[in-house]
Amino acid sequence: MTMQQQVLKIAILDDYAGVAVDLADWTGLGDVTVFRDTLKDEAEVIERLRPFDVLCVMRERTPLPGQIIRALPNLRLIVTSGTRNLSIDLAAAAARRIPVCGTDMRMTMTAELTMGLILALERRIVVEANSLTAGGWQIGLGRDLHGLTLGLVGLGKVGRQMAQLGKAFGMSVAAWSQNLTPELCAEHGVTYCNTLTSLMGQSDVVSIHVVLSDRSRGMIDAAALAAMRPDATLVNTSRGPIVNQSDLLDALHRNRLAGAALDVFDSEPLAGDDPIMDQELIRTGKLLLAPHLGYASLQTFTLFYRQMAEAVAAWKEGNPIRVLTQ
């Protein structure tokens, strides 16, 4: 049976919102199964995915390390959203001659969401709205952004967008990262900080925009948080493990930090009994949590799923596909 004649078994993973089938045309590609949940146990992942020829994965929601790739006898193609996915073992896939291809990536959505979280946190939008719907009225005062200093941990693509947005709100902008140079900061009209401690100490709002790596894991720890002013806030829309969660909770409870907004977590989806679900901090508006919305927009997911379906169709017909490399 040729590839064109074979009925492919296609799995779409981690479609939390249940939109994959609606946003793209999968007609004629094969037998499509959509999974809306995320399995954490590796053995359960292997058992679920064993029958499938094609896996369509959404970012790093379900990692595909070598031990999973090697355990899937029917696997012939992996399609990921975005231009890279560090949770896929490309070498293991290449060893089995399984192509891994990606899609284009929109570049504005994470910065927009980050500014939304900053506004919501600083102006206490959620806690004040909750007071109103519960029959109350104003119960506190937030800060407007004009005149505050926005501190960026990282001045890459998203960090540069954040610098522009911060300036649009009348904020001063400073930045630090391990490889950042004064010249790059000057090019983007941003104050250069030569240490993380310096950045944390002079910023009213600290926003994290570095990738997760061995160098950045746990970077925002008790010492970094202690350098912040008590009225400062922290926002993380990058990756959860960059911030030491227990150190952050301790700083918030001890009033060493005015507030934090998180869109990313150590383990996702976030379990209801996770310590970060601190109801006291959430109720008082000191902690704002969002379910990893940074890249989850209608336009972005439409792009992702349409190009995933197109990649499967191209591969099935033997046409060129965009293969990811190490």
Protein backbone atom coordinates (compact mmCIF):
# COMPACT_ATOMS: atom_id res chain seq x y z
CA MET A 1 0.00 0.00 0.00
CA THR A 2 1.45 3.39 -0.97
CA MET A 3 1.54 6.39 1.34
CA GLN A 4 -1.22 7.98 -0.73
CA GLN A 5 -3.44 4.89 -0.28
CA GLN A 6 -2.71 4.32 3.39
CA VAL A 7 -5.09 5.87 5.91
CA LEU A 8 -2.80 7.80 8.22
CA LYS A 9 -3.53 7.89 11.91
CA ILE A 10 -2.97 11.49 12.98
CA ALA A 11 -2.93 12.66 16.60
CA ILE A 12 -3.36 16.33 17.51
CA LEU A 13 -2.06 16.76 21.04
CA ASP A 14 -2.96 19.17 23.83
CA ASP A 15 -5.74 21.06 22.08
CA TYR A 16 -6.95 22.57 25.37
CA ALA A 17 -9.42 24.92 23.70
CA GLY A 18 -10.80 22.33 21.30
CA VAL A 19 -10.19 24.47 18.21
CA ALA A 20 -7.78 22.47 16.02
CA VAL A 21 -10.45 20.92 13.81
CA ASP A 22 -12.32 24.21 13.38
CA LEU A 23 -9.27 26.35 12.52
CA ALA A 24 -7.83 24.16 9.74
CA ASP A 25 -8.96 21.81 7.00
CA TRP A 26 -7.84 18.27 7.82
CA THR A 27 -10.09 16.72 5.17
CA GLY A 28 -8.54 13.80 3.33
CA LEU A 29 -5.37 13.66 5.41
CA GLY A 30 -6.32 10.59 7.40
CA ASP A 31 -7.97 9.49 10.60
CA VAL A 32 -7.59 12.49 12.92
CA THR A 33 -7.84 12.12 16.71
CA VAL A 34 -7.78 15.19 18.96
CA PHE A 35 -6.58 15.01 22.56
CA ARG A 36 -7.52 17.98 24.74
CA ASP A 37 -5.71 16.85 27.89
CA THR A 38 -2.03 16.44 28.71
CA LEU A 39 -0.63 13.21 30.10
CA LYS A 40 2.32 13.54 32.46
CA ASP A 41 3.23 9.87 32.87
CA GLU A 42 5.64 8.73 30.16
CA ALA A 43 4.22 5.20 30.00
CA GLU A 44 0.72 6.61 29.52
CA VAL A 45 1.96 8.92 26.76
CA ILE A 46 3.55 5.99 24.93
CA GLU A 47 0.44 3.85 25.29
CA ARG A 48 -1.78 6.64 23.96
CA LEU A 49 0.43 7.51 21.00
CA ARG A 50 1.50 4.00 19.99
CA PRO A 51 -1.06 3.62 17.13
CA PHE A 52 -0.29 6.92 15.39
CA ASP A 53 1.73 7.65 12.26
CA VAL A 54 1.72 11.44 12.65
CA LEU A 55 1.91 13.60 15.78
CA CYS A 56 0.89 17.27 15.68
CA VAL A 57 2.20 18.90 18.84
CA MET A 58 1.57 22.32 20.34
CA ARG A 59 4.81 23.89 21.54
CA GLU A 60 6.21 22.08 24.61
CA ARG A 61 2.91 20.96 26.12
CA THR A 62 3.75 17.26 25.64
CA PRO A 63 7.53 16.72 25.44
CA LEU A 64 8.82 14.10 23.02
CA PRO A 65 12.15 12.90 24.42
CA GLY A 66 14.10 10.09 22.80
CA GLN A 67 12.62 7.36 24.97
CA ILE A 68 9.12 8.22 23.78
CA ILE A 69 10.10 8.59 20.11
CA ARG A 70 11.92 5.24 20.16
CA ALA A 71 8.89 3.53 21.74
CA LEU A 72 6.37 4.50 19.04
CA PRO A 73 6.58 1.82 16.33
CA ASN A 74 4.28 3.52 13.81
CA LEU A 75 5.60 7.06 14.11
CA ARG A 76 6.62 8.55 10.75
CA LEU A 77 6.17 12.33 11.06
CA ILE A 78 6.18 14.97 13.81
CA VAL A 79 4.76 18.43 13.18
CA THR A 80 5.21 21.12 15.83
CA SER A 81 3.83 24.61 16.07
CA GLY A 82 6.49 27.29 15.77
CA THR A 83 9.97 27.34 14.34
CA ARG A 84 11.56 25.34 17.15
CA ASN A 85 10.57 23.00 19.95
CA LEU A 86 13.27 22.22 22.48
CA SER A 87 11.17 19.47 24.04
CA ILE A 88 11.51 17.25 20.94
CA ASP A 89 14.62 15.07 20.69
CA LEU A 90 15.55 15.83 17.09
CA ALA A 91 18.51 13.44 17.16
CA ALA A 92 16.30 10.53 18.23
CA ALA A 93 13.84 11.38 15.48
CA ALA A 94 16.61 11.64 12.89
CA ALA A 95 18.01 8.26 13.97
CA ARG A 96 14.67 6.73 12.99
CA ARG A 97 14.43 8.89 9.85
CA ILE A 98 11.35 10.62 11.22
CA PRO A 99 11.14 14.18 9.88
CA VAL A 100 10.23 16.92 12.34
CA CYS A 101 8.79 20.04 10.78
CA GLY A 102 7.43 23.31 12.11
CA THR A 103 5.26 26.28 11.25
CA ASP A 104 5.65 30.03 11.08
CA MET A 105 5.34 32.00 14.32
CA ARG A 106 3.58 35.28 15.02
CA MET A 107 5.77 37.57 17.10
CA THR A 108 3.53 40.12 18.86
CA MET A 109 1.18 38.14 21.07
CA THR A 110 3.44 37.45 24.08
CA ALA A 111 4.45 41.09 24.51
CA GLU A 112 0.81 42.18 24.27
CA LEU A 113 -0.23 39.65 26.91
CA THR A 114 2.64 40.73 29.15
CA MET A 115 1.56 44.35 29.04
CA GLY A 116 -1.98 43.23 29.79
CA LEU A 117 -0.78 41.38 32.88
CA ILE A 118 1.28 44.38 33.99
CA LEU A 119 -1.75 46.65 33.67
CA ALA A 120 -4.02 44.16 35.42
CA LEU A 121 -1.55 43.71 38.28
CA GLU A 122 -0.62 47.36 38.76
CA ARG A 123 -4.18 48.69 38.45
CA ARG A 124 -5.64 45.78 40.46
CA ILE A 125 -8.15 45.16 37.69
CA VAL A 126 -9.08 41.58 38.61
CA VAL A 127 -9.45 42.04 42.36
CA GLU A 128 -11.40 45.29 41.93
CA ALA A 129 -13.67 43.74 39.28
CA ASN A 130 -14.29 40.80 41.62
CA SER A 131 -15.22 43.23 44.39
CA LEU A 132 -17.74 44.90 42.11
CA THR A 133 -19.38 41.66 40.96
CA ALA A 134 -19.61 40.56 44.60
CA GLY A 135 -21.68 43.66 45.38
CA GLY A 136 -18.87 45.92 46.59
CA TRP A 137 -16.96 48.84 45.13
CA GLN A 138 -13.37 50.06 45.16
CA ILE A 139 -11.26 48.40 47.87
CA GLY A 140 -7.77 49.69 47.08
CA LEU A 141 -5.58 51.79 44.81
CA GLY A 142 -3.29 50.66 42.03
CA ARG A 143 -0.45 52.42 40.23
CA ASP A 144 -0.48 53.88 36.74
CA LEU A 145 2.54 53.03 34.60
CA HIS A 146 3.64 56.50 33.50
CA GLY A 147 6.91 57.39 35.22
CA LEU A 148 7.68 53.87 36.45
CA THR A 149 10.76 51.91 35.43
CA LEU A 150 10.27 48.70 33.47
CA GLY A 151 13.13 46.26 34.01
CA LEU A 152 13.57 43.63 31.30
CA VAL A 153 15.41 40.40 31.97
CA GLY A 154 16.35 39.79 28.36
CA LEU A 155 16.31 42.08 25.34
CA GLY A 156 15.61 39.59 22.56
CA LYS A 157 12.67 39.73 20.18
CA VAL A 158 10.00 39.87 22.88
CA GLY A 159 12.12 42.04 25.17
CA ARG A 160 12.53 44.63 22.43
CA GLN A 161 8.80 44.70 21.83
CA MET A 162 8.31 45.19 25.56
CA ALA A 163 10.73 48.11 25.53
CA GLN A 164 8.62 49.82 22.85
CA LEU A 165 5.37 49.14 24.67
CA GLY A 166 6.78 50.34 27.98
CA LYS A 167 7.90 53.60 26.41
CA ALA A 168 4.45 54.03 24.85
CA PHE A 169 3.03 54.01 28.38
CA GLY A 170 5.58 56.58 29.54
CA MET A 171 7.84 54.14 31.36
CA SER A 172 11.61 54.26 31.56
CA VAL A 173 13.16 50.99 30.41
CA ALA A 174 16.24 49.17 31.67
CA ALA A 175 17.55 45.72 30.74
CA TRP A 176 19.98 42.99 31.73
CA SER A 177 20.88 39.52 30.53
CA GLN A 178 24.03 37.46 30.63
CA ASN A 179 25.00 38.31 27.04
CA LEU A 180 23.54 41.79 26.79
CA THR A 181 25.83 44.63 25.72
CA PRO A 182 25.66 48.40 26.34
CA GLU A 183 25.72 48.90 22.56
CA LEU A 184 22.56 46.83 22.01
CA CYS A 185 20.78 48.69 24.81
CA ALA A 186 21.79 52.03 23.34
CA GLU A 187 20.51 50.91 19.93
CA HIS A 188 17.06 50.32 21.44
CA GLY A 189 17.02 53.30 23.80
CA VAL A 190 17.25 51.16 26.92
CA THR A 191 19.37 51.69 30.05
CA TYR A 192 22.03 48.98 30.38
CA CYS A 193 22.43 47.19 33.72
CA ASN A 194 25.61 45.19 34.25
CA THR A 195 24.14 42.86 36.90
CA LEU A 196 20.80 41.26 37.62
CA THR A 197 20.91 42.76 41.11
CA SER A 198 21.22 46.25 39.65
CA LEU A 199 18.25 45.71 37.36
CA MET A 200 16.07 44.27 40.10
CA GLY A 201 16.93 47.10 42.47
CA GLN A 202 16.06 49.98 40.18
CA SER A 203 12.91 48.58 38.54
CA ASP A 204 9.30 49.15 39.54
CA VAL A 205 8.16 46.30 37.27
CA VAL A 206 10.43 43.40 36.31
CA SER A 207 9.43 41.36 33.25
CA ILE A 208 11.22 38.15 32.23
CA HIS A 209 12.05 37.47 28.58
CA VAL A 210 14.90 34.95 28.45
CA VAL A 211 14.69 31.34 27.29
CA LEU A 212 14.83 28.49 29.78
CA SER A 213 18.30 26.96 29.93
CA ASP A 214 20.73 25.62 32.51
CA ARG A 215 21.91 29.19 33.03
CA SER A 216 18.46 30.70 33.51
CA ARG A 217 16.78 27.92 35.52
CA GLY A 218 16.12 29.29 39.02
CA MET A 219 17.73 32.62 38.08
CA ILE A 220 15.07 34.62 39.91
CA ASP A 221 15.69 33.25 43.39
CA ALA A 222 15.55 34.60 46.94
CA ALA A 223 18.65 36.74 46.42
CA ALA A 224 17.32 38.30 43.22
CA LEU A 225 13.92 38.95 44.78
CA ALA A 226 15.54 40.48 47.87
CA ALA A 227 17.15 43.09 45.62
CA MET A 228 13.73 44.36 44.55
CA ARG A 229 11.95 47.20 46.29
CA PRO A 230 8.94 46.25 48.46
CA ASP A 231 6.58 48.14 46.13
CA ALA A 232 7.92 46.47 42.97
CA THR A 233 6.19 43.74 40.96
CA LEU A 234 7.36 40.76 38.91
CA VAL A 235 5.86 39.35 35.70
CA ASN A 236 6.86 36.06 34.07
CA THR A 237 5.56 35.10 30.62
CA SER A 238 8.68 33.19 29.57
CA ARG A 239 9.04 29.81 31.34
CA GLY A 240 8.02 28.86 34.87
CA PRO A 241 11.29 27.34 36.16
CA ILE A 242 13.20 30.60 35.58
CA VAL A 243 11.57 31.80 38.82
CA ASN A 244 12.02 29.83 42.04
CA GLN A 245 8.37 29.40 42.96
CA SER A 246 8.82 28.86 46.69
CA ASP A 247 11.12 31.89 46.96
CA LEU A 248 8.54 34.01 45.15
CA LEU A 249 5.70 32.90 47.43
CA ASP A 250 7.84 33.60 50.48
CA ALA A 251 8.67 37.11 49.24
CA LEU A 252 5.00 37.87 48.59
CA HIS A 253 3.88 36.61 52.00
CA ARG A 254 6.63 38.58 53.75
CA ASN A 255 5.68 41.75 51.83
CA ARG A 256 9.15 41.88 50.31
CA LEU A 257 7.40 42.21 46.96
CA ALA A 258 4.16 44.01 46.12
CA GLY A 259 2.85 41.55 43.55
CA ALA A 260 3.50 39.03 40.82
CA ALA A 261 1.75 37.95 37.63
CA LEU A 262 2.55 34.53 36.15
CA ASP A 263 1.50 33.04 32.83
CA VAL A 264 3.91 30.08 33.03
CA PHE A 265 4.55 27.40 35.65
CA ASP A 266 6.91 24.59 36.59
CA SER A 267 4.32 22.00 35.55
CA GLU A 268 1.53 22.66 33.06
CA PRO A 269 -1.43 22.44 33.05
CA LEU A 270 -1.36 23.75 36.59
CA ALA A 271 -2.80 21.37 39.17
CA GLY A 272 -5.45 22.72 41.52
CA ASP A 273 -3.39 21.77 44.59
CA ASP A 274 -0.17 23.36 43.32
CA PRO A 275 1.32 25.64 46.02
CA ILE A 276 1.28 28.56 43.57
CA MET A 277 -2.54 28.48 43.81
CA ASP A 278 -2.24 30.49 47.00
CA GLN A 279 -5.78 31.69 47.62
CA GLU A 280 -4.82 34.39 50.11
CA LEU A 281 -2.42 36.04 47.67
CA ILE A 282 -4.87 35.67 44.78
CA ARG A 283 -7.79 37.08 46.79
CA THR A 284 -5.83 40.16 47.85
CA GLY A 285 -4.57 40.87 44.32
CA LYS A 286 -0.92 40.23 45.10
CA LEU A 287 -0.79 37.22 42.80
CA LEU A 288 -2.32 37.06 39.32
CA LEU A 289 -2.25 33.73 37.47
CA ALA A 290 -3.04 33.05 33.80
CA PRO A 291 -3.09 29.66 31.99
CA HIS A 292 -0.15 30.19 29.60
CA LEU A 293 -1.97 32.61 27.32
CA GLY A 294 1.18 34.26 25.97
CA TYR A 295 1.04 32.69 22.52
CA ALA A 296 -2.55 31.43 22.66
CA SER A 297 -4.44 33.83 20.40
CA LEU A 298 -6.96 33.18 17.62
CA GLN A 299 -4.64 34.45 14.89
CA THR A 300 -1.67 32.45 16.16
CA PHE A 301 -3.52 29.17 16.53
CA THR A 302 -5.15 29.61 13.13
CA LEU A 303 -1.66 29.98 11.64
CA PHE A 304 -0.35 26.98 13.59
CA TYR A 305 -3.10 24.51 12.75
CA ARG A 306 -3.46 25.53 9.11
CA GLN A 307 0.26 25.12 8.52
CA MET A 308 0.32 21.84 10.46
CA ALA A 309 -2.37 20.45 8.15
CA GLU A 310 -0.52 21.79 5.12
CA ALA A 311 2.71 20.13 6.30
CA VAL A 312 1.00 16.76 6.71
CA ALA A 313 -0.51 17.09 3.23
CA ALA A 314 2.85 18.02 1.68
CA TRP A 315 4.65 15.13 3.37
CA LYS A 316 1.93 12.71 2.37
CA GLU A 317 2.31 13.73 -1.28
CA GLY A 318 6.11 13.59 -1.12
CA ASN A 319 6.52 17.35 -1.45
CA PRO A 320 9.13 19.41 0.46
CA ILE A 321 8.44 20.25 4.09
CA ARG A 322 10.17 22.60 6.53
CA VAL A 323 12.38 20.26 8.55
CA LEU A 324 13.72 21.48 11.89
CA THR A 325 17.42 21.04 12.61
CA GLN A 326 19.42 20.94 15.81
